[in-house]
C-alpha cells in the first residue's frame, strides 16, 4: 500500500498540486519487514541481503506506479479545470 500527501494551493485563479511523502507499507497480516518505507529517487532499495533482488524489483515497480498515478491526478485536474470560466465578481454585492 502506498500512502502519500497531496497539497492543493489555489491563488488568483490558478492552482498548484504537490504530491509528497510517498510511503510503502504492508497490508495487515503481512510481515512488517516487507514494508519498504519512504519512496525516494534512489535507483535501488538495497544492495545487501538475501531478498535484495526481489526488494529492488518491487522498489522499481512502486516508483513507476507512483509516477503513473501522480500523472493521472495531474491530468484529471487539468482536464476538469481547463473549461472552467472565470467570473469576475463585482464588488457591489
N, C-alpha and C. Protein backbone atom coordinates (compact mmCIF):
# COMPACT_ATOMS: atom_id res chain seq x y z
N UNK A 1 0.86 -1.16 0.00
CA UNK A 1 0.00 0.00 0.00
C UNK A 1 0.91 1.23 0.00
N UNK A 2 0.56 2.22 -0.80
CA UNK A 2 1.31 3.46 -0.87
C UNK A 2 0.45 4.59 -0.28
N UNK A 3 0.98 5.25 0.69
CA UNK A 3 0.33 6.43 1.26
C UNK A 3 1.15 7.64 0.82
N UNK A 4 0.47 8.77 0.65
CA UNK A 4 1.16 9.98 0.23
C UNK A 4 0.38 11.18 0.71
N UNK A 5 1.01 12.33 0.61
CA UNK A 5 0.38 13.59 0.97
C UNK A 5 0.11 14.37 -0.31
N UNK A 6 -1.09 14.90 -0.43
CA UNK A 6 -1.42 15.75 -1.58
C UNK A 6 -1.79 17.12 -1.04
N UNK A 7 -1.16 18.14 -1.60
CA UNK A 7 -1.46 19.52 -1.21
C UNK A 7 -1.93 20.26 -2.45
N UNK A 8 -2.99 21.04 -2.29
CA UNK A 8 -3.53 21.84 -3.38
C UNK A 8 -3.45 23.30 -2.95
N UNK A 9 -2.75 24.08 -3.74
CA UNK A 9 -2.62 25.51 -3.49
C UNK A 9 -3.42 26.25 -4.56
N UNK A 10 -4.23 27.21 -4.13
CA UNK A 10 -5.04 27.99 -5.05
C UNK A 10 -4.76 29.46 -4.80
N UNK A 11 -4.49 30.17 -5.90
CA UNK A 11 -4.18 31.59 -5.78
C UNK A 11 -4.50 32.27 -7.10
N UNK A 12 -5.28 33.32 -7.05
CA UNK A 12 -5.58 34.14 -8.21
C UNK A 12 -5.95 33.31 -9.44
N UNK A 13 -6.94 32.45 -9.28
CA UNK A 13 -7.48 31.62 -10.36
C UNK A 13 -6.46 30.65 -10.95
N UNK A 14 -5.48 30.28 -10.19
CA UNK A 14 -4.51 29.27 -10.59
C UNK A 14 -4.42 28.25 -9.47
N UNK A 15 -3.90 27.09 -9.79
CA UNK A 15 -3.70 26.09 -8.76
C UNK A 15 -2.37 25.38 -8.96
N UNK A 16 -1.91 24.80 -7.88
CA UNK A 16 -0.67 24.04 -7.90
C UNK A 16 -0.91 22.81 -7.04
N UNK A 17 -0.53 21.65 -7.57
CA UNK A 17 -0.69 20.39 -6.86
C UNK A 17 0.70 19.86 -6.51
N UNK A 18 0.87 19.45 -5.26
CA UNK A 18 2.14 18.89 -4.82
C UNK A 18 1.86 17.55 -4.14
N UNK A 19 2.48 16.50 -4.66
CA UNK A 19 2.39 15.17 -4.05
C UNK A 19 3.73 14.87 -3.38
N UNK A 20 3.69 14.52 -2.10
CA UNK A 20 4.92 14.26 -1.35
C UNK A 20 4.72 13.09 -0.40
N UNK A 21 5.79 12.74 0.28
CA UNK A 21 5.78 11.74 1.35
C UNK A 21 5.22 10.40 0.92
N UNK A 22 5.67 9.91 -0.22
CA UNK A 22 5.26 8.58 -0.67
C UNK A 22 5.88 7.55 0.28
N UNK A 23 5.03 6.69 0.85
CA UNK A 23 5.49 5.74 1.85
C UNK A 23 4.85 4.39 1.59
N UNK A 24 5.67 3.36 1.46
CA UNK A 24 5.18 1.99 1.22
C UNK A 24 5.00 1.28 2.55
N UNK A 25 3.82 0.75 2.78
CA UNK A 25 3.55 -0.05 3.97
C UNK A 25 2.91 -1.36 3.52
N UNK A 26 2.73 -2.27 4.45
CA UNK A 26 2.19 -3.58 4.11
C UNK A 26 0.75 -3.71 4.60
N UNK A 27 0.06 -4.62 3.97
CA UNK A 27 -1.31 -4.90 4.40
C UNK A 27 -1.27 -5.67 5.71
N UNK A 28 -2.35 -5.56 6.47
CA UNK A 28 -2.44 -6.28 7.74
C UNK A 28 -2.29 -7.77 7.47
N UNK A 29 -1.46 -8.39 8.25
CA UNK A 29 -1.21 -9.82 8.08
C UNK A 29 0.12 -10.12 7.42
N UNK A 30 0.66 -9.14 6.70
CA UNK A 30 1.99 -9.32 6.10
C UNK A 30 3.04 -8.86 7.10
N UNK A 31 4.22 -9.41 6.99
CA UNK A 31 5.30 -9.06 7.90
C UNK A 31 5.75 -7.63 7.71
N UNK A 32 6.01 -6.92 8.81
CA UNK A 32 6.45 -5.53 8.71
C UNK A 32 7.78 -5.39 7.98
N UNK A 33 8.58 -6.44 7.93
CA UNK A 33 9.85 -6.38 7.21
C UNK A 33 9.66 -6.25 5.70
N UNK A 34 8.44 -6.45 5.23
CA UNK A 34 8.14 -6.31 3.79
C UNK A 34 7.91 -4.85 3.38
N UNK A 35 7.70 -3.99 4.36
CA UNK A 35 7.47 -2.57 4.06
C UNK A 35 8.78 -1.93 3.63
N UNK A 36 8.73 -1.15 2.56
CA UNK A 36 9.93 -0.50 2.05
C UNK A 36 10.08 0.92 2.59
N UNK A 37 9.06 1.46 3.21
CA UNK A 37 9.15 2.78 3.82
C UNK A 37 9.05 3.91 2.82
N UNK A 38 9.80 4.97 3.07
CA UNK A 38 9.75 6.18 2.24
C UNK A 38 10.30 5.87 0.85
N UNK A 39 9.53 6.25 -0.16
CA UNK A 39 9.95 6.05 -1.55
C UNK A 39 10.76 7.28 -1.97
N UNK A 40 11.98 7.04 -2.39
CA UNK A 40 12.87 8.13 -2.79
C UNK A 40 13.21 8.00 -4.27
N UNK A 41 14.13 8.81 -4.74
CA UNK A 41 14.56 8.74 -6.14
C UNK A 41 15.74 7.79 -6.33
N UNK A 42 16.15 7.11 -5.28
CA UNK A 42 17.27 6.17 -5.38
C UNK A 42 16.97 5.09 -6.41
N UNK A 43 18.01 4.68 -7.15
CA UNK A 43 17.84 3.65 -8.19
C UNK A 43 17.51 2.29 -7.60
N UNK A 44 18.10 1.95 -6.45
CA UNK A 44 17.85 0.66 -5.82
C UNK A 44 17.46 0.87 -4.37
N UNK A 45 16.76 -0.10 -3.83
CA UNK A 45 16.34 -0.04 -2.43
C UNK A 45 17.47 -0.50 -1.53
N UNK A 46 18.11 -1.60 -1.92
CA UNK A 46 19.16 -2.16 -1.08
C UNK A 46 20.22 -2.83 -1.94
N UNK A 47 21.41 -2.94 -1.40
CA UNK A 47 22.49 -3.64 -2.09
C UNK A 47 22.93 -4.87 -1.32
N UNK A 48 22.25 -5.16 -0.22
CA UNK A 48 22.61 -6.31 0.60
C UNK A 48 21.38 -7.12 0.95
N UNK A 49 21.61 -8.32 1.43
CA UNK A 49 20.53 -9.17 1.90
C UNK A 49 20.11 -10.21 0.88
N UNK A 50 19.49 -11.26 1.38
CA UNK A 50 19.10 -12.38 0.52
C UNK A 50 17.96 -12.01 -0.42
N UNK A 51 17.12 -11.09 -0.03
CA UNK A 51 15.97 -10.74 -0.86
C UNK A 51 16.17 -9.42 -1.60
N UNK A 52 17.41 -9.00 -1.78
CA UNK A 52 17.67 -7.69 -2.40
C UNK A 52 17.14 -7.62 -3.82
N UNK A 53 17.22 -8.71 -4.58
CA UNK A 53 16.73 -8.69 -5.96
C UNK A 53 15.21 -8.46 -5.97
N UNK A 54 14.51 -9.18 -5.12
CA UNK A 54 13.06 -9.03 -5.04
C UNK A 54 12.70 -7.62 -4.57
N UNK A 55 13.34 -7.16 -3.50
CA UNK A 55 13.03 -5.83 -2.98
C UNK A 55 13.33 -4.73 -4.00
N UNK A 56 14.42 -4.86 -4.74
CA UNK A 56 14.75 -3.86 -5.76
C UNK A 56 13.75 -3.88 -6.91
N UNK A 57 13.24 -5.06 -7.26
CA UNK A 57 12.20 -5.14 -8.30
C UNK A 57 10.91 -4.48 -7.82
N UNK A 58 10.53 -4.75 -6.58
CA UNK A 58 9.33 -4.13 -6.01
C UNK A 58 9.54 -2.62 -5.95
N UNK A 59 10.72 -2.18 -5.53
CA UNK A 59 11.07 -0.76 -5.44
C UNK A 59 10.88 -0.07 -6.78
N UNK A 60 11.43 -0.67 -7.83
CA UNK A 60 11.32 -0.09 -9.18
C UNK A 60 9.86 -0.03 -9.62
N UNK A 61 9.11 -1.09 -9.34
CA UNK A 61 7.69 -1.12 -9.72
C UNK A 61 6.87 -0.08 -8.99
N UNK A 62 7.16 0.11 -7.71
CA UNK A 62 6.44 1.10 -6.91
C UNK A 62 6.70 2.50 -7.47
N UNK A 63 7.93 2.78 -7.82
CA UNK A 63 8.27 4.11 -8.34
C UNK A 63 7.56 4.38 -9.67
N UNK A 64 7.47 3.37 -10.53
CA UNK A 64 6.77 3.52 -11.80
C UNK A 64 5.29 3.77 -11.56
N UNK A 65 4.69 2.96 -10.69
CA UNK A 65 3.26 3.11 -10.40
C UNK A 65 2.95 4.45 -9.74
N UNK A 66 3.81 4.90 -8.83
CA UNK A 66 3.60 6.19 -8.17
C UNK A 66 3.65 7.33 -9.19
N UNK A 67 4.58 7.25 -10.13
CA UNK A 67 4.68 8.29 -11.16
C UNK A 67 3.45 8.27 -12.07
N UNK A 68 3.02 7.08 -12.47
CA UNK A 68 1.83 6.97 -13.31
C UNK A 68 0.61 7.53 -12.59
N UNK A 69 0.43 7.16 -11.34
CA UNK A 69 -0.71 7.62 -10.57
C UNK A 69 -0.67 9.14 -10.40
N UNK A 70 0.51 9.68 -10.12
CA UNK A 70 0.66 11.13 -9.98
C UNK A 70 0.27 11.84 -11.26
N UNK A 71 0.74 11.32 -12.38
CA UNK A 71 0.41 11.92 -13.68
C UNK A 71 -1.09 11.85 -13.96
N UNK A 72 -1.73 10.76 -13.55
CA UNK A 72 -3.18 10.65 -13.73
C UNK A 72 -3.91 11.72 -12.92
N UNK A 73 -3.46 11.96 -11.71
CA UNK A 73 -4.07 13.01 -10.88
C UNK A 73 -3.90 14.37 -11.55
N UNK A 74 -2.69 14.66 -12.02
CA UNK A 74 -2.43 15.96 -12.65
C UNK A 74 -3.27 16.13 -13.92
N UNK A 75 -3.34 15.11 -14.75
CA UNK A 75 -4.11 15.19 -15.99
C UNK A 75 -5.61 15.33 -15.70
N UNK A 76 -6.09 14.60 -14.72
CA UNK A 76 -7.50 14.68 -14.37
C UNK A 76 -7.87 16.10 -13.93
N UNK A 77 -7.05 16.68 -13.08
CA UNK A 77 -7.32 18.04 -12.64
C UNK A 77 -7.22 19.03 -13.79
N UNK A 78 -6.24 18.84 -14.65
CA UNK A 78 -6.11 19.73 -15.80
C UNK A 78 -7.33 19.64 -16.71
N UNK A 79 -7.79 18.42 -16.96
CA UNK A 79 -8.96 18.23 -17.82
C UNK A 79 -10.23 18.80 -17.19
N UNK A 80 -10.36 18.68 -15.90
CA UNK A 80 -11.56 19.18 -15.22
C UNK A 80 -11.58 20.70 -15.14
N UNK A 81 -10.43 21.32 -15.11
CA UNK A 81 -10.38 22.76 -14.90
C UNK A 81 -10.17 23.58 -16.17
N UNK A 82 -9.82 22.95 -17.27
CA UNK A 82 -9.50 23.73 -18.47
C UNK A 82 -10.70 24.46 -19.06
N UNK A 83 -11.90 23.97 -18.84
CA UNK A 83 -13.08 24.61 -19.41
C UNK A 83 -13.86 25.45 -18.42
N UNK A 84 -13.31 25.63 -17.24
CA UNK A 84 -13.99 26.46 -16.24
C UNK A 84 -13.82 27.92 -16.62
N UNK A 85 -14.93 28.61 -16.65
CA UNK A 85 -14.89 30.04 -16.98
C UNK A 85 -14.72 30.83 -15.70
N UNK A 86 -13.86 31.79 -15.77
CA UNK A 86 -13.61 32.64 -14.62
C UNK A 86 -14.58 33.80 -14.64
N UNK A 87 -15.34 33.91 -13.57
CA UNK A 87 -16.30 35.01 -13.48
C UNK A 87 -15.67 36.15 -12.68
N UNK A 88 -15.81 37.32 -13.21
CA UNK A 88 -15.36 38.49 -12.47
C UNK A 88 -16.52 38.94 -11.59
N UNK A 89 -16.26 38.97 -10.32
CA UNK A 89 -17.28 39.34 -9.35
C UNK A 89 -17.13 40.82 -9.06
N UNK A 90 -18.23 41.55 -9.21
CA UNK A 90 -18.16 42.97 -8.90
C UNK A 90 -18.17 43.14 -7.39
N UNK A 91 -17.61 44.22 -6.96
CA UNK A 91 -17.54 44.48 -5.53
C UNK A 91 -18.83 45.09 -4.98
N UNK A 92 -19.84 45.24 -5.85
CA UNK A 92 -21.10 45.85 -5.41
C UNK A 92 -22.16 44.77 -5.14
N UNK A 93 -21.96 43.95 -4.22
CA UNK A 93 -22.94 42.92 -3.97
C UNK A 93 -24.08 43.51 -3.25
